[in-house]
Protein backbone atom coordinates (compact mmCIF):
# COMPACT_ATOMS: atom_id res chain seq x y z
CA MET A 1 118.75 20.44 -35.40
CA LYS A 2 119.40 22.22 -32.13
CA LEU A 3 115.74 21.82 -31.11
CA TYR A 4 115.88 18.09 -31.87
CA SER A 5 119.03 17.70 -29.78
CA LEU A 6 117.50 19.62 -26.89
CA LEU A 7 114.34 17.49 -26.96
CA SER A 8 116.45 14.34 -27.06
CA LEU A 9 118.41 15.44 -24.01
CA LEU A 10 115.21 16.29 -22.15
CA PHE A 11 113.79 12.85 -22.96
CA LEU A 12 116.95 11.13 -21.78
CA GLY A 13 116.88 13.18 -18.60
CA VAL A 14 113.33 12.09 -17.83
CA LEU A 15 114.22 8.46 -18.55
CA TRP A 16 117.29 8.65 -16.32
CA ARG A 17 115.32 10.11 -13.42
CA SER A 18 112.62 7.44 -13.65
CA GLU A 19 114.77 4.36 -14.15
CA GLY A 20 118.30 5.31 -13.12
CA VAL A 21 120.02 6.00 -9.81
CA ALA A 22 118.33 7.77 -6.94
CA SER A 23 117.20 11.31 -7.43
CA SER A 24 118.29 13.85 -4.83
CA SER A 25 114.91 15.59 -4.89
CA ASN A 26 112.87 15.38 -1.69
CA ASP A 27 109.73 15.47 -3.83
CA ASP A 28 110.20 11.91 -5.06
CA VAL A 29 107.74 10.41 -2.59
CA GLY A 30 105.01 12.74 -3.77
CA ARG A 31 105.57 11.54 -7.31
CA LEU A 32 105.40 7.88 -6.30
CA ILE A 33 101.94 8.01 -4.75
CA ASN A 34 99.09 10.51 -5.02
CA VAL A 35 96.40 11.38 -2.52
CA THR A 36 93.72 9.33 -4.30
CA THR A 37 95.76 6.13 -4.15
CA PHE A 38 96.86 6.82 -0.58
CA ASN A 39 93.28 7.23 0.60
CA ALA A 40 92.17 4.14 -1.33
CA MET A 41 94.80 2.08 0.50
CA PHE A 42 93.37 3.10 3.87
CA LYS A 43 89.75 3.10 2.83
CA TYR A 44 88.26 2.77 6.30
CA GLN A 45 90.52 4.94 8.45
CA LYS A 46 87.65 7.43 8.85
CA ASP A 47 85.15 4.70 9.67
CA PRO A 48 83.39 5.18 13.05
CA GLN A 49 85.09 2.00 14.28
CA CYS A 50 88.56 3.47 13.72
CA PRO A 51 89.93 5.77 16.43
CA SER A 52 92.34 7.42 13.96
CA GLN A 53 89.54 9.24 12.09
CA GLY A 54 91.86 10.44 9.33
CA PHE A 55 94.78 11.27 11.66
CA TYR A 56 97.20 9.62 9.21
CA SER A 57 96.70 12.06 6.36
CA TYR A 58 98.46 12.06 3.00
CA GLN A 59 99.90 15.51 3.63
CA ALA A 60 101.27 14.55 7.05
CA PHE A 61 102.92 11.50 5.50
CA LEU A 62 104.46 13.54 2.68
CA THR A 63 105.82 16.15 5.07
CA ALA A 64 107.44 13.48 7.23
CA ALA A 65 108.71 11.42 4.30
CA ARG A 66 110.30 14.40 2.58
CA SER A 67 112.26 15.20 5.73
CA PHE A 68 113.98 11.81 5.29
CA GLY A 69 114.41 12.10 1.51
CA LYS A 70 118.08 13.07 1.66
CA LEU A 71 118.71 10.06 3.91
CA GLY A 72 117.31 7.80 1.20
CA PHE A 73 113.76 7.01 2.27
CA ALA A 74 111.91 6.10 -0.96
CA THR A 75 114.60 7.96 -2.91
CA THR A 76 117.20 5.19 -3.21
CA GLY A 77 117.68 3.15 -6.37
CA LYS A 78 115.57 2.73 -9.46
CA LEU A 79 111.90 3.61 -9.65
CA ALA A 80 110.70 0.07 -8.85
CA THR A 81 113.00 -0.08 -5.81
CA ARG A 82 111.74 3.24 -4.52
CA LYS A 83 108.14 2.13 -4.94
CA ARG A 84 108.77 -1.19 -3.21
CA GLU A 85 110.34 0.53 -0.21
CA LEU A 86 107.46 2.98 0.04
CA LEU A 87 104.86 0.23 -0.23
CA ALA A 88 106.70 -2.00 2.25
CA PHE A 89 106.65 0.83 4.78
CA LEU A 90 102.95 1.49 4.22
CA ALA A 91 102.18 -2.24 4.44
CA GLN A 92 104.06 -2.82 7.68
CA THR A 93 102.54 0.24 9.32
CA SER A 94 99.12 -0.85 8.07
CA HIS A 95 99.52 -4.11 9.95
CA GLN A 96 100.78 -2.31 13.05
CA THR A 97 97.66 -0.10 13.11
CA THR A 98 95.09 -2.44 11.58
CA GLY A 99 91.49 -2.47 12.66
CA GLY A 100 90.50 -5.23 10.26
CA TRP A 101 89.01 -8.61 10.97
CA LEU A 102 88.37 -11.66 8.80
CA THR A 103 84.83 -10.70 7.76
CA ALA A 104 85.38 -6.92 7.67
CA PRO A 105 83.90 -4.99 4.72
CA ASP A 106 86.24 -5.49 1.72
CA GLY A 107 88.35 -7.79 3.91
CA PRO A 108 90.99 -7.04 6.57
CA LEU A 109 93.51 -5.55 4.13
CA PHE A 110 91.49 -2.34 3.71
CA TRP A 111 91.60 -1.42 7.41
CA GLY A 112 95.14 -0.16 7.90
CA TYR A 113 95.84 3.08 9.79
CA CYS A 114 92.82 2.49 12.03
CA HIS A 115 94.52 2.82 15.43
CA ILE A 116 96.82 5.45 16.92
CA ARG A 117 97.42 4.05 20.40
CA GLU A 118 98.04 0.50 21.57
CA SER A 119 94.95 -0.96 23.22
CA THR A 120 96.79 -1.85 26.45
CA GLU A 121 98.43 1.33 27.70
CA ASP A 122 101.21 -0.24 29.78
CA SER A 123 104.28 1.72 30.85
CA TYR A 124 106.95 -0.25 28.89
CA CYS A 125 109.59 1.42 31.05
CA LYS A 126 112.97 -0.28 31.44
CA ALA A 127 115.71 1.07 33.69
CA ASP A 128 118.17 2.88 31.43
CA PRO A 129 120.38 5.77 32.58
CA LYS A 130 120.76 7.00 29.01
CA TRP A 131 117.01 7.01 28.29
CA PRO A 132 115.38 7.47 31.71
CA CYS A 133 111.62 7.24 31.97
CA ALA A 134 109.91 10.51 32.84
CA LYS A 135 107.68 10.57 35.89
CA GLY A 136 104.11 9.70 35.08
CA GLN A 137 104.78 8.86 31.42
CA LYS A 138 104.04 5.62 29.61
CA TYR A 139 105.78 4.32 26.51
CA TYR A 140 103.17 2.04 24.98
CA GLY A 141 102.78 1.74 21.22
CA ARG A 142 101.80 4.89 19.35
CA GLY A 143 101.75 5.98 15.73
CA PRO A 144 102.12 4.10 12.43
CA MET A 145 104.95 1.89 13.71
CA GLN A 146 103.49 1.65 17.23
CA LEU A 147 106.72 3.01 18.72
CA LYS A 148 107.20 1.30 22.08
CA GLY A 149 109.59 1.46 25.04
CA ASN A 150 111.52 4.34 26.60
CA GLN A 151 114.68 3.47 24.65
CA ASN A 152 112.88 3.88 21.33
CA TYR A 153 111.12 7.07 22.41
CA GLY A 154 114.42 8.48 23.64
CA GLN A 155 116.38 7.61 20.51
CA ALA A 156 113.65 8.78 18.15
CA GLY A 157 113.28 12.02 20.07
CA LYS A 158 117.01 12.70 19.91
CA ALA A 159 117.07 12.08 16.16
CA LEU A 160 114.07 14.36 15.59
CA GLY A 161 115.08 17.09 18.05
CA LEU A 162 112.14 16.38 20.37
CA ASP A 163 111.88 15.33 24.01
CA LEU A 164 109.67 12.30 23.55
CA LEU A 165 110.66 10.87 26.92
CA LYS A 166 108.84 13.71 28.65
CA ASN A 167 106.13 14.01 26.00
CA PRO A 168 105.56 10.58 24.41
CA ASP A 169 101.94 11.39 23.60
CA LEU A 170 103.15 13.86 20.97
CA VAL A 171 103.45 10.76 18.77
CA ALA A 172 99.70 10.26 19.12
CA LYS A 173 98.73 13.92 18.75
CA ASP A 174 100.90 15.34 15.97
CA PRO A 175 100.51 13.32 12.74
CA VAL A 176 103.76 14.61 11.21
CA VAL A 177 105.75 13.67 14.32
CA SER A 178 103.91 10.36 14.35
CA PHE A 179 105.02 9.53 10.80
CA LYS A 180 108.54 10.81 11.48
CA THR A 181 108.99 8.38 14.37
CA ALA A 182 107.84 5.53 12.14
CA ILE A 183 110.24 6.49 9.35
CA TRP A 184 113.05 6.96 11.88
CA PHE A 185 112.48 3.38 13.08
CA TRP A 186 112.39 2.18 9.47
CA MET A 187 115.70 3.85 8.64
CA THR A 188 117.57 2.82 11.81
CA ALA A 189 119.47 -0.42 12.37
CA GLN A 190 119.18 -1.69 15.94
CA GLY A 191 121.60 -4.19 17.44
CA ILE A 192 121.98 -7.20 15.17
CA LYS A 193 118.98 -6.16 13.10
CA PRO A 194 119.59 -4.28 9.85
CA SER A 195 117.39 -1.33 9.01
CA CYS A 196 114.22 -2.04 7.08
CA HIS A 197 115.45 0.54 4.57
CA ASP A 198 118.68 -1.35 3.87
CA VAL A 199 116.76 -4.58 3.32
CA MET A 200 114.28 -3.06 0.86
CA VAL A 201 116.88 -1.20 -1.22
CA GLY A 202 119.25 -4.18 -1.43
CA LYS A 203 122.05 -2.87 0.81
CA TRP A 204 121.70 -5.61 3.41
CA LYS A 205 123.73 -8.74 2.68
CA PRO A 206 122.96 -11.81 4.80
CA THR A 207 125.80 -13.37 6.76
CA GLU A 208 126.34 -17.11 6.89
CA ALA A 209 124.45 -17.09 10.19
CA ASP A 210 121.56 -15.29 8.50
CA LYS A 211 121.49 -17.82 5.70
CA ALA A 212 121.51 -20.69 8.18
CA ALA A 213 118.54 -19.02 9.88
CA LYS A 214 116.82 -18.77 6.46
CA ARG A 215 116.94 -14.97 6.55
CA VAL A 216 117.39 -13.95 2.93
CA PRO A 217 116.80 -10.60 1.19
CA GLY A 218 113.15 -9.78 0.69
CA TYR A 219 110.09 -8.35 2.39
CA GLY A 220 109.97 -11.29 4.81
CA VAL A 221 113.09 -10.04 6.61
CA VAL A 222 111.37 -6.70 7.19
CA SER A 223 108.54 -8.56 8.93
CA ASN A 224 111.21 -10.34 10.97
CA ILE A 225 112.78 -7.03 12.01
CA ILE A 226 109.48 -5.49 13.10
CA GLY A 227 107.52 -8.55 14.26
CA GLY A 228 110.12 -11.23 14.87
CA SER A 229 108.04 -13.06 17.46
CA GLU A 230 105.65 -13.98 14.64
CA CYS A 231 108.41 -15.68 12.62
CA GLY A 232 109.90 -19.14 12.62
CA SER A 233 106.89 -21.21 13.63
CA GLY A 234 105.30 -21.83 10.26
CA ALA A 235 102.35 -20.17 8.58
CA ASN A 236 100.30 -17.79 10.71
CA THR A 237 97.77 -15.03 10.16
CA ASP A 238 99.94 -12.16 11.46
CA VAL A 239 102.73 -12.73 8.96
CA ALA A 240 100.17 -13.37 6.21
CA ASP A 241 98.52 -10.06 7.09
CA ARG A 242 101.85 -8.23 6.82
CA PHE A 243 102.61 -9.48 3.32
CA GLY A 244 98.94 -9.37 2.34
CA PHE A 245 98.94 -5.59 2.72
CA TYR A 246 102.19 -5.41 0.74
CA VAL A 247 100.96 -7.51 -2.17
CA ARG A 248 97.74 -5.50 -2.34
CA TYR A 249 99.61 -2.18 -2.41
CA CYS A 250 102.09 -3.45 -5.01
CA LYS A 251 99.18 -4.36 -7.27
CA MET A 252 97.76 -0.86 -6.86
CA LEU A 253 101.02 0.71 -8.07
CA GLY A 254 101.80 -1.99 -10.64
CA VAL A 255 104.99 -3.15 -8.91
CA ASN A 256 106.42 -6.67 -8.66
CA PRO A 257 106.65 -7.40 -4.90
CA GLY A 258 109.73 -9.56 -5.32
CA LYS A 259 110.60 -12.88 -3.66
CA HIS A 260 110.71 -14.16 -0.07
CA LEU A 261 107.64 -12.30 1.16
CA ASP A 262 107.09 -14.17 4.44
CA CYS A 263 109.14 -15.12 7.49
CA PHE A 264 107.20 -18.29 8.31
CA PHE A 265 110.36 -20.37 8.61
CA GLN A 266 112.94 -17.66 9.31
CA GLN A 267 114.58 -17.76 12.69
CA PRO A 268 113.91 -14.45 14.48
CA PHE A 269 116.92 -12.17 14.96
CA THR A 270 116.30 -12.38 18.71
CA ARG A 271 117.16 -16.09 18.72
CA MET A 272 120.68 -15.72 17.37
């Protein structure tokens, strides 16, 4: 009788962890996706045409993701919610770093994590006494989220305990730091924009102004946060690419992607 009760409790514990509220374990991300699936998502990142050459490794991603586990990255909500957030992050960063083209082998959605640096290495320096540009440094897009601008490098560096204003290229040379800057951006609300994290876990509630701008909860708002200039002008290939990656990854993990996947007719946050 005691053995039966113990087994029952163990079963209920497993069920609660998989379908209940967020687990506090930083290992959750590793249980959501394995190395085989991760590598299949980014099938061509070691292709000769991709500068990354495997820079974005599974282990580097796990190390970075686990450092944000206690803050809720891919550890908030039920299992399906955690998977959707994880896949949304991987999809958006796939688009940011894509090397795909329309007639690419297997199609463009297999070519995420191809690039590390933005092709045009401009300075992206804006006068800011709080986040001053370092002499000789440039703040063009780097890493999974293509972190750009001295303000973003300064804020990310402060959050991570690194001086990225003086050493922005660390984002292109250290894969763990690279992923950490991307997750920092994902977790951080900026100005009138909510964090991508809050949108994907259901914490963000649209205001009346948001509703009037057709910004409603769903993956499409995440595309609006990251690539708002692509939104609001009808169907286009950039937005389709963003949710194309997401739908593909959701199928791989057997997750319903949810509603409102595009931002074709959403007004960008920058036009408020």
